[in-house]
PDB file of N, CA and C in Angstrom:
ATOM      1  N   UNK A   1       0.721  -1.271   0.109  1.00  0.00           N
ATOM      2  CA  UNK A   1      -0.117  -0.048   0.053  1.00  0.00           C
ATOM      3  C   UNK A   1       0.800   1.240   0.041  1.00  0.00           C
ATOM      4  N   UNK A   2       1.805   1.058   1.015  1.00  0.00           N
ATOM      5  CA  UNK A   2       2.762   2.451   0.972  1.00  0.00           C
ATOM      6  C   UNK A   2       3.524   2.661  -0.344  1.00  0.00           C
ATOM      7  N   UNK A   3       3.978   1.591  -0.854  1.00  0.00           N
ATOM      8  CA  UNK A   3       4.823   1.574  -1.937  1.00  0.00           C
ATOM      9  C   UNK A   3       3.900   2.202  -3.149  1.00  0.00           C
ATOM     10  N   UNK A   4       2.556   1.567  -3.143  1.00  0.00           N
ATOM     11  CA  UNK A   4       1.892   2.029  -4.200  1.00  0.00           C
ATOM     12  C   UNK A   4       1.481   3.720  -4.102  1.00  0.00           C
ATOM     13  N   UNK A   5       1.504   4.256  -2.827  1.00  0.00           N
ATOM     14  CA  UNK A   5       1.298   5.610  -2.670  1.00  0.00           C
ATOM     15  C   UNK A   5       2.351   6.381  -2.993  1.00  0.00           C
ATOM     16  N   UNK A   6       3.324   5.726  -2.817  1.00  0.00           N
ATOM     17  CA  UNK A   6       4.948   6.566  -2.791  1.00  0.00           C
ATOM     18  C   UNK A   6       4.990   6.549  -4.569  1.00  0.00           C
ATOM     19  N   UNK A   7       4.631   5.446  -5.269  1.00  0.00           N
ATOM     20  CA  UNK A   7       4.816   5.391  -6.678  1.00  0.00           C
ATOM     21  C   UNK A   7       3.839   6.384  -7.251  1.00  0.00           C
ATOM     22  N   UNK A   8       2.745   6.569  -6.888  1.00  0.00           N
ATOM     23  CA  UNK A   8       1.627   7.542  -7.321  1.00  0.00           C
ATOM     24  C   UNK A   8       2.087   8.921  -7.256  1.00  0.00           C
ATOM     25  N   UNK A   9       2.638   9.135  -5.961  1.00  0.00           N
ATOM     26  CA  UNK A   9       2.997  10.410  -5.549  1.00  0.00           C
ATOM     27  C   UNK A   9       3.985  10.822  -6.709  1.00  0.00           C
ATOM     28  N   UNK A  10       5.075  10.142  -6.778  1.00  0.00           N
ATOM     29  CA  UNK A  10       6.111  10.323  -7.710  1.00  0.00           C
ATOM     30  C   UNK A  10       5.771  10.438  -9.088  1.00  0.00           C
ATOM     31  N   UNK A  11       4.781   9.625  -9.549  1.00  0.00           N
ATOM     32  CA  UNK A  11       4.262   9.774 -10.891  1.00  0.00           C
ATOM     33  C   UNK A  11       3.540  11.161 -11.110  1.00  0.00           C
ATOM     34  N   UNK A  12       2.805  11.388 -10.090  1.00  0.00           N
ATOM     35  CA  UNK A  12       2.083  12.587 -10.154  1.00  0.00           C
ATOM     36  C   UNK A  12       2.966  13.931 -10.343  1.00  0.00           C
ATOM     37  N   UNK A  13       4.001  13.812  -9.452  1.00  0.00           N
ATOM     38  CA  UNK A  13       5.113  15.070  -9.373  1.00  0.00           C
ATOM     39  C   UNK A  13       5.849  15.126 -10.628  1.00  0.00           C
ATOM     40  N   UNK A  14       5.928  13.906 -11.233  1.00  0.00           N
ATOM     41  CA  UNK A  14       6.718  13.965 -12.635  1.00  0.00           C
ATOM     42  C   UNK A  14       5.861  14.409 -13.821  1.00  0.00           C
ATOM     43  N   UNK A  15       4.549  14.063 -13.553  1.00  0.00           N
ATOM     44  CA  UNK A  15       3.583  14.438 -14.515  1.00  0.00           C
ATOM     45  C   UNK A  15       3.510  15.989 -14.584  1.00  0.00           C
ATOM     46  N   UNK A  16       3.574  16.496 -13.309  1.00  0.00           N
ATOM     47  CA  UNK A  16       3.283  17.896 -13.135  1.00  0.00           C
ATOM     48  C   UNK A  16       4.383  18.683 -13.725  1.00  0.00           C
ATOM     49  N   UNK A  17       5.567  18.050 -13.300  1.00  0.00           N
ATOM     50  CA  UNK A  17       7.056  18.616 -13.434  1.00  0.00           C
ATOM     51  C   UNK A  17       6.962  18.877 -15.255  1.00  0.00           C
ATOM     52  N   UNK A  18       6.804  17.846 -15.902  1.00  0.00           N
ATOM     53  CA  UNK A  18       6.793  17.699 -17.203  1.00  0.00           C
ATOM     54  C   UNK A  18       5.810  18.705 -17.657  1.00  0.00           C
ATOM     55  N   UNK A  19       4.509  18.842 -17.292  1.00  0.00           N
ATOM     56  CA  UNK A  19       3.553  19.836 -17.752  1.00  0.00           C
ATOM     57  C   UNK A  19       3.979  21.184 -17.720  1.00  0.00           C
ATOM     58  N   UNK A  20       4.684  21.567 -16.467  1.00  0.00           N
ATOM     59  CA  UNK A  20       5.341  22.736 -16.078  1.00  0.00           C
ATOM     60  C   UNK A  20       6.381  23.056 -17.291  1.00  0.00           C
ATOM     61  N   UNK A  21       7.288  22.107 -17.439  1.00  0.00           N
ATOM     62  CA  UNK A  21       8.488  22.359 -18.369  1.00  0.00           C
ATOM     63  C   UNK A  21       7.754  22.537 -19.790  1.00  0.00           C
ATOM     64  N   UNK A  22       6.934  21.791 -20.244  1.00  0.00           N
ATOM     65  CA  UNK A  22       6.180  22.187 -21.486  1.00  0.00           C
ATOM     66  C   UNK A  22       5.632  23.447 -21.567  1.00  0.00           C
ATOM     67  N   UNK A  23       4.885  23.780 -20.514  1.00  0.00           N
ATOM     68  CA  UNK A  23       4.161  24.995 -20.564  1.00  0.00           C
ATOM     69  C   UNK A  23       5.414  26.193 -20.686  1.00  0.00           C
ATOM     70  N   UNK A  24       6.371  26.212 -19.874  1.00  0.00           N
ATOM     71  CA  UNK A  24       7.246  27.082 -19.925  1.00  0.00           C
ATOM     72  C   UNK A  24       7.925  27.209 -21.226  1.00  0.00           C
ATOM     73  N   UNK A  25       8.454  26.147 -21.972  1.00  0.00           N
ATOM     74  CA  UNK A  25       8.857  25.960 -23.123  1.00  0.00           C
ATOM     75  C   UNK A  25       7.851  26.654 -24.149  1.00  0.00           C
ATOM     76  N   UNK A  26       6.618  26.344 -24.080  1.00  0.00           N
ATOM     77  CA  UNK A  26       5.879  26.996 -24.966  1.00  0.00           C
ATOM     78  C   UNK A  26       5.752  28.569 -25.024  1.00  0.00           C
ATOM     79  N   UNK A  27       5.637  28.866 -23.712  1.00  0.00           N
ATOM     80  CA  UNK A  27       5.733  30.247 -23.371  1.00  0.00           C
ATOM     81  C   UNK A  27       6.792  30.933 -23.978  1.00  0.00           C
ATOM     82  N   UNK A  28       8.031  30.589 -23.947  1.00  0.00           N
ATOM     83  CA  UNK A  28       9.329  30.869 -24.276  1.00  0.00           C
ATOM     84  C   UNK A  28       9.258  30.801 -25.869  1.00  0.00           C
ATOM     85  N   UNK A  29       8.665  29.864 -26.426  1.00  0.00           N
ATOM     86  CA  UNK A  29       8.692  29.751 -27.999  1.00  0.00           C
ATOM     87  C   UNK A  29       7.832  30.820 -28.418  1.00  0.00           C
ATOM     88  N   UNK A  30       6.606  31.058 -27.693  1.00  0.00           N
ATOM     89  CA  UNK A  30       5.578  32.221 -28.270  1.00  0.00           C
ATOM     90  C   UNK A  30       6.434  33.438 -28.383  1.00  0.00           C
ATOM     91  N   UNK A  31       7.061  33.673 -27.124  1.00  0.00           N
ATOM     92  CA  UNK A  31       7.544  34.900 -26.938  1.00  0.00           C
ATOM     93  C   UNK A  31       8.766  35.196 -27.873  1.00  0.00           C
ATOM     94  N   UNK A  32       9.392  34.095 -28.212  1.00  0.00           N
ATOM     95  CA  UNK A  32      10.575  34.253 -29.111  1.00  0.00           C
ATOM     96  C   UNK A  32       9.862  34.615 -30.614  1.00  0.00           C
ATOM     97  N   UNK A  33       8.817  33.752 -30.814  1.00  0.00           N
ATOM     98  CA  UNK A  33       8.158  33.931 -32.205  1.00  0.00           C
ATOM     99  C   UNK A  33       7.857  35.479 -32.375  1.00  0.00           C
ATOM    100  N   UNK A  34       7.177  35.960 -31.318  1.00  0.00           N
ATOM    101  CA  UNK A  34       6.726  37.461 -31.171  1.00  0.00           C
ATOM    102  C   UNK A  34       7.815  38.268 -31.262  1.00  0.00           C
ATOM    103  N   UNK A  35       8.890  38.136 -30.594  1.00  0.00           N
ATOM    104  CA  UNK A  35      10.234  38.977 -30.934  1.00  0.00           C
ATOM    105  C   UNK A  35      10.779  39.000 -32.407  1.00  0.00           C
ATOM    106  N   UNK A  36      10.578  37.699 -32.955  1.00  0.00           N
ATOM    107  CA  UNK A  36      11.126  37.509 -34.329  1.00  0.00           C
ATOM    108  C   UNK A  36      10.558  38.385 -35.237  1.00  0.00           C
ATOM    109  N   UNK A  37       9.132  38.775 -34.945  1.00  0.00           N
ATOM    110  CA  UNK A  37       8.472  39.397 -35.991  1.00  0.00           C
ATOM    111  C   UNK A  37       8.814  40.991 -36.128  1.00  0.00           C
TER     112      UNK A  37
END
């Protein structure tokens, strides 16, 4: 049970981190495109 919970927590954190990274990259890319214009 505890192992499952720990795994779930790690997976959730990893997912959130990945989403945050993607969002940040997307934002930077958008800004760069605007700057390029």
